[in-house]
Amino acid sequence: MLVLSRQRDETIMIGDDIEITVVDIRGDKVRIGITAPRSIQVHRKEVYDAIKKENENASKLKPDDVSDVVQRNSNGANDSAANS
């Protein structure tokens, strides 16, 4: 891990496209601003871990696990169309 010291309003560059700026320092909290291309996803670590876990759980689903939901949705769509 690279550890850098920065003061308020100082920036760190990652490659040519990502800037991390120290916006504010209050006690033991540091606020940072991140400028990155829209194609780069930026998440807090705990949010990233939750997304990753949900994706892993979803990838473990079997077709039978979701067939009832798919069937209910397709029947509901047919019912709606018939009632229009």
PDB file of N, CA and C in Angstrom:
ATOM      1  N   MET A   1       0.845  -1.174   0.000  1.00  0.00           N
ATOM      2  CA  MET A   1       0.000   0.000   0.000  1.00  0.00           C
ATOM      3  C   MET A   1       0.893   1.241   0.000  1.00  0.00           C
ATOM      4  N   LEU A   2       0.592   2.153  -0.878  1.00  0.00           N
ATOM      5  CA  LEU A   2       1.285   3.428  -0.928  1.00  0.00           C
ATOM      6  C   LEU A   2       0.591   4.377   0.044  1.00  0.00           C
ATOM      7  N   VAL A   3       1.331   4.984   0.942  1.00  0.00           N
ATOM      8  CA  VAL A   3       0.775   5.925   1.910  1.00  0.00           C
ATOM      9  C   VAL A   3       1.350   7.303   1.606  1.00  0.00           C
ATOM     10  N   LEU A   4       0.457   8.272   1.379  1.00  0.00           N
ATOM     11  CA  LEU A   4       0.865   9.636   1.064  1.00  0.00           C
ATOM     12  C   LEU A   4       0.273  10.601   2.077  1.00  0.00           C
ATOM     13  N   SER A   5       1.005  11.653   2.365  1.00  0.00           N
ATOM     14  CA  SER A   5       0.486  12.718   3.223  1.00  0.00           C
ATOM     15  C   SER A   5       0.003  13.855   2.339  1.00  0.00           C
ATOM     16  N   ARG A   6      -1.163  14.374   2.642  1.00  0.00           N
ATOM     17  CA  ARG A   6      -1.725  15.498   1.896  1.00  0.00           C
ATOM     18  C   ARG A   6      -2.366  16.452   2.893  1.00  0.00           C
ATOM     19  N   GLN A   7      -2.387  17.710   2.546  1.00  0.00           N
ATOM     20  CA  GLN A   7      -3.089  18.707   3.341  1.00  0.00           C
ATOM     21  C   GLN A   7      -4.350  19.093   2.593  1.00  0.00           C
ATOM     22  N   ARG A   8      -5.196  19.875   3.266  1.00  0.00           N
ATOM     23  CA  ARG A   8      -6.438  20.316   2.655  1.00  0.00           C
ATOM     24  C   ARG A   8      -6.163  20.974   1.303  1.00  0.00           C
ATOM     25  N   ASP A   9      -7.017  20.675   0.352  1.00  0.00           N
ATOM     26  CA  ASP A   9      -6.969  21.200  -1.016  1.00  0.00           C
ATOM     27  C   ASP A   9      -5.796  20.660  -1.836  1.00  0.00           C
ATOM     28  N   GLU A  10      -5.098  19.653  -1.346  1.00  0.00           N
ATOM     29  CA  GLU A  10      -4.057  19.021  -2.142  1.00  0.00           C
ATOM     30  C   GLU A  10      -4.632  17.766  -2.799  1.00  0.00           C
ATOM     31  N   THR A  11      -4.070  17.407  -3.942  1.00  0.00           N
ATOM     32  CA  THR A  11      -4.638  16.358  -4.780  1.00  0.00           C
ATOM     33  C   THR A  11      -3.626  15.252  -5.050  1.00  0.00           C
ATOM     34  N   ILE A  12      -4.143  14.054  -5.225  1.00  0.00           N
ATOM     35  CA  ILE A  12      -3.369  12.894  -5.645  1.00  0.00           C
ATOM     36  C   ILE A  12      -3.937  12.467  -7.003  1.00  0.00           C
ATOM     37  N   MET A  13      -3.069  12.166  -7.947  1.00  0.00           N
ATOM     38  CA  MET A  13      -3.494  11.678  -9.265  1.00  0.00           C
ATOM     39  C   MET A  13      -3.291  10.166  -9.332  1.00  0.00           C
ATOM     40  N   ILE A  14      -4.276   9.482  -9.891  1.00  0.00           N
ATOM     41  CA  ILE A  14      -4.144   8.060 -10.194  1.00  0.00           C
ATOM     42  C   ILE A  14      -4.284   7.946 -11.708  1.00  0.00           C
ATOM     43  N   GLY A  15      -3.207   7.605 -12.358  1.00  0.00           N
ATOM     44  CA  GLY A  15      -3.199   7.612 -13.818  1.00  0.00           C
ATOM     45  C   GLY A  15      -3.418   9.032 -14.317  1.00  0.00           C
ATOM     46  N   ASP A  16      -4.004   9.154 -15.498  1.00  0.00           N
ATOM     47  CA  ASP A  16      -4.262  10.479 -16.079  1.00  0.00           C
ATOM     48  C   ASP A  16      -5.667  10.976 -15.796  1.00  0.00           C
ATOM     49  N   ASP A  17      -6.554  10.093 -15.321  1.00  0.00           N
ATOM     50  CA  ASP A  17      -7.981  10.420 -15.281  1.00  0.00           C
ATOM     51  C   ASP A  17      -8.605  10.532 -13.904  1.00  0.00           C
ATOM     52  N   ILE A  18      -7.923  10.110 -12.860  1.00  0.00           N
ATOM     53  CA  ILE A  18      -8.551  10.077 -11.542  1.00  0.00           C
ATOM     54  C   ILE A  18      -7.813  11.016 -10.596  1.00  0.00           C
ATOM     55  N   GLU A  19      -8.577  11.940 -10.010  1.00  0.00           N
ATOM     56  CA  GLU A  19      -8.031  12.881  -9.030  1.00  0.00           C
ATOM     57  C   GLU A  19      -8.709  12.651  -7.689  1.00  0.00           C
ATOM     58  N   ILE A  20      -7.918  12.588  -6.644  1.00  0.00           N
ATOM     59  CA  ILE A  20      -8.447  12.489  -5.281  1.00  0.00           C
ATOM     60  C   ILE A  20      -7.949  13.710  -4.524  1.00  0.00           C
ATOM     61  N   THR A  21      -8.879  14.530  -4.053  1.00  0.00           N
ATOM     62  CA  THR A  21      -8.554  15.788  -3.394  1.00  0.00           C
ATOM     63  C   THR A  21      -9.014  15.769  -1.946  1.00  0.00           C
ATOM     64  N   VAL A  22      -8.156  16.200  -1.042  1.00  0.00           N
ATOM     65  CA  VAL A  22      -8.549  16.354   0.359  1.00  0.00           C
ATOM     66  C   VAL A  22      -9.376  17.628   0.440  1.00  0.00           C
ATOM     67  N   VAL A  23     -10.659  17.479   0.732  1.00  0.00           N
ATOM     68  CA  VAL A  23     -11.583  18.605   0.755  1.00  0.00           C
ATOM     69  C   VAL A  23     -11.624  19.257   2.136  1.00  0.00           C
ATOM     70  N   ASP A  24     -11.628  18.431   3.193  1.00  0.00           N
ATOM     71  CA  ASP A  24     -11.752  18.978   4.542  1.00  0.00           C
ATOM     72  C   ASP A  24     -11.182  17.972   5.543  1.00  0.00           C
ATOM     73  N   ILE A  25     -10.693  18.484   6.645  1.00  0.00           N
ATOM     74  CA  ILE A  25     -10.201  17.647   7.733  1.00  0.00           C
ATOM     75  C   ILE A  25     -10.822  18.177   9.019  1.00  0.00           C
ATOM     76  N   ARG A  26     -11.578  17.318   9.702  1.00  0.00           N
ATOM     77  CA  ARG A  26     -12.203  17.704  10.977  1.00  0.00           C
ATOM     78  C   ARG A  26     -11.965  16.589  11.971  1.00  0.00           C
ATOM     79  N   GLY A  27     -11.096  16.823  12.919  1.00  0.00           N
ATOM     80  CA  GLY A  27     -10.788  15.803  13.915  1.00  0.00           C
ATOM     81  C   GLY A  27     -10.212  14.575  13.244  1.00  0.00           C
ATOM     82  N   ASP A  28     -10.877  13.435  13.462  1.00  0.00           N
ATOM     83  CA  ASP A  28     -10.381  12.193  12.869  1.00  0.00           C
ATOM     84  C   ASP A  28     -11.070  11.845  11.553  1.00  0.00           C
ATOM     85  N   LYS A  29     -11.812  12.789  10.982  1.00  0.00           N
ATOM     86  CA  LYS A  29     -12.505  12.564   9.711  1.00  0.00           C
ATOM     87  C   LYS A  29     -11.865  13.387   8.608  1.00  0.00           C
ATOM     88  N   VAL A  30     -11.668  12.752   7.478  1.00  0.00           N
ATOM     89  CA  VAL A  30     -11.123  13.410   6.299  1.00  0.00           C
ATOM     90  C   VAL A  30     -12.164  13.289   5.199  1.00  0.00           C
ATOM     91  N   ARG A  31     -12.550  14.416   4.611  1.00  0.00           N
ATOM     92  CA  ARG A  31     -13.476  14.406   3.480  1.00  0.00           C
ATOM     93  C   ARG A  31     -12.640  14.483   2.214  1.00  0.00           C
ATOM     94  N   ILE A  32     -12.923  13.583   1.284  1.00  0.00           N
ATOM     95  CA  ILE A  32     -12.194  13.596   0.031  1.00  0.00           C
ATOM     96  C   ILE A  32     -13.166  13.779  -1.125  1.00  0.00           C
ATOM     97  N   GLY A  33     -12.665  14.380  -2.188  1.00  0.00           N
ATOM     98  CA  GLY A  33     -13.422  14.518  -3.425  1.00  0.00           C
ATOM     99  C   GLY A  33     -12.733  13.681  -4.486  1.00  0.00           C
ATOM    100  N   ILE A  34     -13.517  13.009  -5.301  1.00  0.00           N
ATOM    101  CA  ILE A  34     -12.961  12.138  -6.328  1.00  0.00           C
ATOM    102  C   ILE A  34     -13.505  12.563  -7.679  1.00  0.00           C
ATOM    103  N   THR A  35     -12.612  12.831  -8.599  1.00  0.00           N
ATOM    104  CA  THR A  35     -12.982  13.128  -9.975  1.00  0.00           C
ATOM    105  C   THR A  35     -12.491  11.968 -10.821  1.00  0.00           C
ATOM    106  N   ALA A  36     -13.429  11.303 -11.487  1.00  0.00           N
ATOM    107  CA  ALA A  36     -13.088  10.131 -12.296  1.00  0.00           C
ATOM    108  C   ALA A  36     -14.048  10.055 -13.479  1.00  0.00           C
ATOM    109  N   PRO A  37     -13.627   9.397 -14.544  1.00  0.00           N
ATOM    110  CA  PRO A  37     -14.542   9.206 -15.679  1.00  0.00           C
ATOM    111  C   PRO A  37     -15.779   8.428 -15.247  1.00  0.00           C
ATOM    112  N   ARG A  38     -16.900   8.665 -15.914  1.00  0.00           N
ATOM    113  CA  ARG A  38     -18.149   7.971 -15.565  1.00  0.00           C
ATOM    114  C   ARG A  38     -18.019   6.462 -15.713  1.00  0.00           C
ATOM    115  N   SER A  39     -17.095   6.018 -16.536  1.00  0.00           N
ATOM    116  CA  SER A  39     -16.922   4.577 -16.736  1.00  0.00           C
ATOM    117  C   SER A  39     -16.254   3.896 -15.541  1.00  0.00           C
ATOM    118  N   ILE A  40     -15.710   4.673 -14.616  1.00  0.00           N
ATOM    119  CA  ILE A  40     -15.073   4.142 -13.411  1.00  0.00           C
ATOM    120  C   ILE A  40     -16.076   4.216 -12.266  1.00  0.00           C
ATOM    121  N   GLN A  41     -16.405   3.071 -11.685  1.00  0.00           N
ATOM    122  CA  GLN A  41     -17.306   3.068 -10.541  1.00  0.00           C
ATOM    123  C   GLN A  41     -16.518   3.420  -9.290  1.00  0.00           C
ATOM    124  N   VAL A  42     -17.079   4.307  -8.477  1.00  0.00           N
ATOM    125  CA  VAL A  42     -16.445   4.716  -7.225  1.00  0.00           C
ATOM    126  C   VAL A  42     -17.438   4.453  -6.097  1.00  0.00           C
ATOM    127  N   HIS A  43     -17.037   3.628  -5.131  1.00  0.00           N
ATOM    128  CA  HIS A  43     -17.894   3.285  -4.000  1.00  0.00           C
ATOM    129  C   HIS A  43     -17.068   3.302  -2.718  1.00  0.00           C
ATOM    130  N   ARG A  44     -17.739   3.576  -1.601  1.00  0.00           N
ATOM    131  CA  ARG A  44     -17.101   3.313  -0.311  1.00  0.00           C
ATOM    132  C   ARG A  44     -16.899   1.808  -0.215  1.00  0.00           C
ATOM    133  N   LYS A  45     -15.883   1.371   0.509  1.00  0.00           N
ATOM    134  CA  LYS A  45     -15.531  -0.049   0.590  1.00  0.00           C
ATOM    135  C   LYS A  45     -16.691  -0.896   1.083  1.00  0.00           C
ATOM    136  N   GLU A  46     -17.418  -0.419   2.102  1.00  0.00           N
ATOM    137  CA  GLU A  46     -18.518  -1.220   2.636  1.00  0.00           C
ATOM    138  C   GLU A  46     -19.655  -1.365   1.620  1.00  0.00           C
ATOM    139  N   VAL A  47     -19.884  -0.345   0.793  1.00  0.00           N
ATOM    140  CA  VAL A  47     -20.897  -0.438  -0.254  1.00  0.00           C
ATOM    141  C   VAL A  47     -20.420  -1.398  -1.345  1.00  0.00           C
ATOM    142  N   TYR A  48     -19.173  -1.299  -1.724  1.00  0.00           N
ATOM    143  CA  TYR A  48     -18.589  -2.193  -2.721  1.00  0.00           C
ATOM    144  C   TYR A  48     -18.708  -3.653  -2.279  1.00  0.00           C
ATOM    145  N   ASP A  49     -18.377  -3.918  -1.016  1.00  0.00           N
ATOM    146  CA  ASP A  49     -18.469  -5.285  -0.489  1.00  0.00           C
ATOM    147  C   ASP A  49     -19.907  -5.801  -0.525  1.00  0.00           C
ATOM    148  N   ALA A  50     -20.870  -4.935  -0.196  1.00  0.00           N
ATOM    149  CA  ALA A  50     -22.281  -5.338  -0.219  1.00  0.00           C
ATOM    150  C   ALA A  50     -22.732  -5.646  -1.650  1.00  0.00           C
ATOM    151  N   ILE A  51     -22.336  -4.826  -2.607  1.00  0.00           N
ATOM    152  CA  ILE A  51     -22.682  -5.060  -4.010  1.00  0.00           C
ATOM    153  C   ILE A  51     -22.074  -6.377  -4.482  1.00  0.00           C
ATOM    154  N   LYS A  52     -20.817  -6.581  -4.150  1.00  0.00           N
ATOM    155  CA  LYS A  52     -20.130  -7.807  -4.548  1.00  0.00           C
ATOM    156  C   LYS A  52     -20.830  -9.042  -3.974  1.00  0.00           C
ATOM    157  N   LYS A  53     -21.225  -8.971  -2.702  1.00  0.00           N
ATOM    158  CA  LYS A  53     -21.904 -10.094  -2.055  1.00  0.00           C
ATOM    159  C   LYS A  53     -23.248 -10.375  -2.726  1.00  0.00           C
ATOM    160  N   GLU A  54     -24.007  -9.323  -3.017  1.00  0.00           N
ATOM    161  CA  GLU A  54     -25.300  -9.492  -3.689  1.00  0.00           C
ATOM    162  C   GLU A  54     -25.115 -10.116  -5.067  1.00  0.00           C
ATOM    163  N   ASN A  55     -24.099  -9.675  -5.798  1.00  0.00           N
ATOM    164  CA  ASN A  55     -23.845 -10.248  -7.122  1.00  0.00           C
ATOM    165  C   ASN A  55     -23.461 -11.718  -7.020  1.00  0.00           C
ATOM    166  N   GLU A  56     -22.651 -12.061  -6.029  1.00  0.00           N
ATOM    167  CA  GLU A  56     -22.272 -13.462  -5.831  1.00  0.00           C
ATOM    168  C   GLU A  56     -23.491 -14.310  -5.487  1.00  0.00           C
ATOM    169  N   ASN A  57     -24.347 -13.790  -4.607  1.00  0.00           N
ATOM    170  CA  ASN A  57     -25.559 -14.532  -4.240  1.00  0.00           C
ATOM    171  C   ASN A  57     -26.484 -14.703  -5.442  1.00  0.00           C
ATOM    172  N   ALA A  58     -26.620 -13.659  -6.249  1.00  0.00           N
ATOM    173  CA  ALA A  58     -27.482 -13.736  -7.430  1.00  0.00           C
ATOM    174  C   ALA A  58     -26.938 -14.738  -8.442  1.00  0.00           C
ATOM    175  N   SER A  59     -25.627 -14.840  -8.551  1.00  0.00           N
ATOM    176  CA  SER A  59     -25.040 -15.772  -9.516  1.00  0.00           C
ATOM    177  C   SER A  59     -25.223 -17.222  -9.090  1.00  0.00           C
ATOM    178  N   LYS A  60     -25.544 -17.458  -7.833  1.00  0.00           N
ATOM    179  CA  LYS A  60     -25.750 -18.816  -7.325  1.00  0.00           C
ATOM    180  C   LYS A  60     -27.194 -19.291  -7.494  1.00  0.00           C
ATOM    181  N   LEU A  61     -28.089 -18.384  -7.904  1.00  0.00           N
ATOM    182  CA  LEU A  61     -29.486 -18.769  -8.085  1.00  0.00           C
ATOM    183  C   LEU A  61     -29.610 -19.768  -9.220  1.00  0.00           C
ATOM    184  N   LYS A  62     -30.517 -20.696  -9.056  1.00  0.00           N
ATOM    185  CA  LYS A  62     -30.810 -21.683 -10.088  1.00  0.00           C
ATOM    186  C   LYS A  62     -32.078 -21.238 -10.815  1.00  0.00           C
ATOM    187  N   PRO A  63     -32.279 -21.700 -12.029  1.00  0.00           N
ATOM    188  CA  PRO A  63     -33.490 -21.302 -12.767  1.00  0.00           C
ATOM    189  C   PRO A  63     -34.772 -21.563 -11.984  1.00  0.00           C
ATOM    190  N   ASP A  64     -34.807 -22.669 -11.235  1.00  0.00           N
ATOM    191  CA  ASP A  64     -36.014 -22.974 -10.449  1.00  0.00           C
ATOM    192  C   ASP A  64     -36.259 -21.939  -9.358  1.00  0.00           C
ATOM    193  N   ASP A  65     -35.185 -21.275  -8.876  1.00  0.00           N
ATOM    194  CA  ASP A  65     -35.327 -20.283  -7.815  1.00  0.00           C
ATOM    195  C   ASP A  65     -36.096 -19.055  -8.284  1.00  0.00           C
ATOM    196  N   VAL A  66     -36.035 -18.764  -9.570  1.00  0.00           N
ATOM    197  CA  VAL A  66     -36.691 -17.559 -10.081  1.00  0.00           C
ATOM    198  C   VAL A  66     -37.846 -17.860 -11.030  1.00  0.00           C
ATOM    199  N   SER A  67     -38.100 -19.111 -11.334  1.00  0.00           N
ATOM    200  CA  SER A  67     -39.140 -19.441 -12.307  1.00  0.00           C
ATOM    201  C   SER A  67     -40.518 -18.969 -11.848  1.00  0.00           C
ATOM    202  N   ASP A  68     -40.810 -19.065 -10.545  1.00  0.00           N
ATOM    203  CA  ASP A  68     -42.103 -18.599 -10.041  1.00  0.00           C
ATOM    204  C   ASP A  68     -42.265 -17.101 -10.247  1.00  0.00           C
ATOM    205  N   VAL A  69     -41.207 -16.363 -10.013  1.00  0.00           N
ATOM    206  CA  VAL A  69     -41.263 -14.908 -10.181  1.00  0.00           C
ATOM    207  C   VAL A  69     -41.470 -14.567 -11.653  1.00  0.00           C
ATOM    208  N   VAL A  70     -40.734 -15.226 -12.523  1.00  0.00           N
ATOM    209  CA  VAL A  70     -40.863 -14.977 -13.957  1.00  0.00           C
ATOM    210  C   VAL A  70     -42.269 -15.322 -14.419  1.00  0.00           C
ATOM    211  N   GLN A  71     -42.784 -16.458 -13.959  1.00  0.00           N
ATOM    212  CA  GLN A  71     -44.120 -16.882 -14.357  1.00  0.00           C
ATOM    213  C   GLN A  71     -45.174 -15.886 -13.870  1.00  0.00           C
ATOM    214  N   ARG A  72     -45.053 -15.444 -12.604  1.00  0.00           N
ATOM    215  CA  ARG A  72     -46.004 -14.462 -12.064  1.00  0.00           C
ATOM    216  C   ARG A  72     -45.949 -13.162 -12.859  1.00  0.00           C
ATOM    217  N   ASN A  73     -44.758 -12.718 -13.200  1.00  0.00           N
ATOM    218  CA  ASN A  73     -44.626 -11.472 -13.955  1.00  0.00           C
ATOM    219  C   ASN A  73     -45.190 -11.608 -15.360  1.00  0.00           C
ATOM    220  N   SER A  74     -44.949 -12.736 -16.008  1.00  0.00           N
ATOM    221  CA  SER A  74     -45.471 -12.901 -17.378  1.00  0.00           C
ATOM    222  C   SER A  74     -46.981 -13.038 -17.351  1.00  0.00           C
ATOM    223  N   ASN A  75     -47.538 -13.709 -16.339  1.00  0.00           N
ATOM    224  CA  ASN A  75     -48.994 -13.808 -16.214  1.00  0.00           C
ATOM    225  C   ASN A  75     -49.602 -12.447 -15.919  1.00  0.00           C
ATOM    226  N   GLY A  76     -48.945 -11.672 -15.070  1.00  0.00           N
ATOM    227  CA  GLY A  76     -49.438 -10.332 -14.750  1.00  0.00           C
ATOM    228  C   GLY A  76     -49.436  -9.435 -15.974  1.00  0.00           C
ATOM    229  N   ALA A  77     -48.434  -9.584 -16.824  1.00  0.00           N
ATOM    230  CA  ALA A  77     -48.364  -8.769 -18.044  1.00  0.00           C
ATOM    231  C   ALA A  77     -49.490  -9.173 -18.996  1.00  0.00           C
ATOM    232  N   ASN A  78     -49.784 -10.475 -19.083  1.00  0.00           N
ATOM    233  CA  ASN A  78     -50.863 -10.928 -19.947  1.00  0.00           C
ATOM    234  C   ASN A  78     -52.214 -10.469 -19.421  1.00  0.00           C
ATOM    235  N   ASP A  79     -52.402 -10.507 -18.096  1.00  0.00           N
ATOM    236  CA  ASP A  79     -53.646 -10.041 -17.492  1.00  0.00           C
ATOM    237  C   ASP A  79     -53.857  -8.572 -17.754  1.00  0.00           C
ATOM    238  N   SER A  80     -52.792  -7.783 -17.646  1.00  0.00           N
ATOM    239  CA  SER A  80     -52.896  -6.345 -17.876  1.00  0.00           C
ATOM    240  C   SER A  80     -53.267  -6.061 -19.314  1.00  0.00           C
ATOM    241  N   ALA A  81     -52.654  -6.782 -20.233  1.00  0.00           N
ATOM    242  CA  ALA A  81     -52.929  -6.565 -21.660  1.00  0.00           C
ATOM    243  C   ALA A  81     -54.367  -6.949 -21.985  1.00  0.00           C
ATOM    244  N   ALA A  82     -54.851  -8.031 -21.374  1.00  0.00           N
ATOM    245  CA  ALA A  82     -56.215  -8.486 -21.637  1.00  0.00           C
ATOM    246  C   ALA A  82     -57.233  -7.510 -21.092  1.00  0.00           C
ATOM    247  N   ASN A  83     -56.923  -6.823 -20.014  1.00  0.00           N
ATOM    248  CA  ASN A  83     -57.868  -5.896 -19.385  1.00  0.00           C
ATOM    249  C   ASN A  83     -57.841  -4.529 -20.033  1.00  0.00           C
ATOM    250  N   SER A  84     -56.900  -4.265 -20.941  1.00  0.00           N
ATOM    251  CA  SER A  84     -56.789  -2.933 -21.575  1.00  0.00           C
ATOM    252  C   SER A  84     -57.747  -2.782 -22.713  1.00  0.00           C
TER     253      SER A  84
END
